[in-house]
């Protein structure tokens, strides 16, 4: 899918995420149908670190509740 620059819906991405064990590197961009700006960007780095960029406070809270080592950085959007 990555080589084809595939576009998939969130349910399909979630299903794929549950089935994999390792992501060496990847960038996943979530888009809202009502906007041209990304709703969320998830970067997998070296299979051990994930960087999530979003303004969605609910998503941030869900991630912080699920994972032990979560740091909050400055929001890059103005």
Foldseek 3Di string as FASTA:
>chain_A
DVVVVDDDDPVVVVVVVVVDDFDQWDKDFDDDPVDPDTQKIWIQHRRPDIDIAHPPVVVVVVVVVPDPDDDDDDHPDD
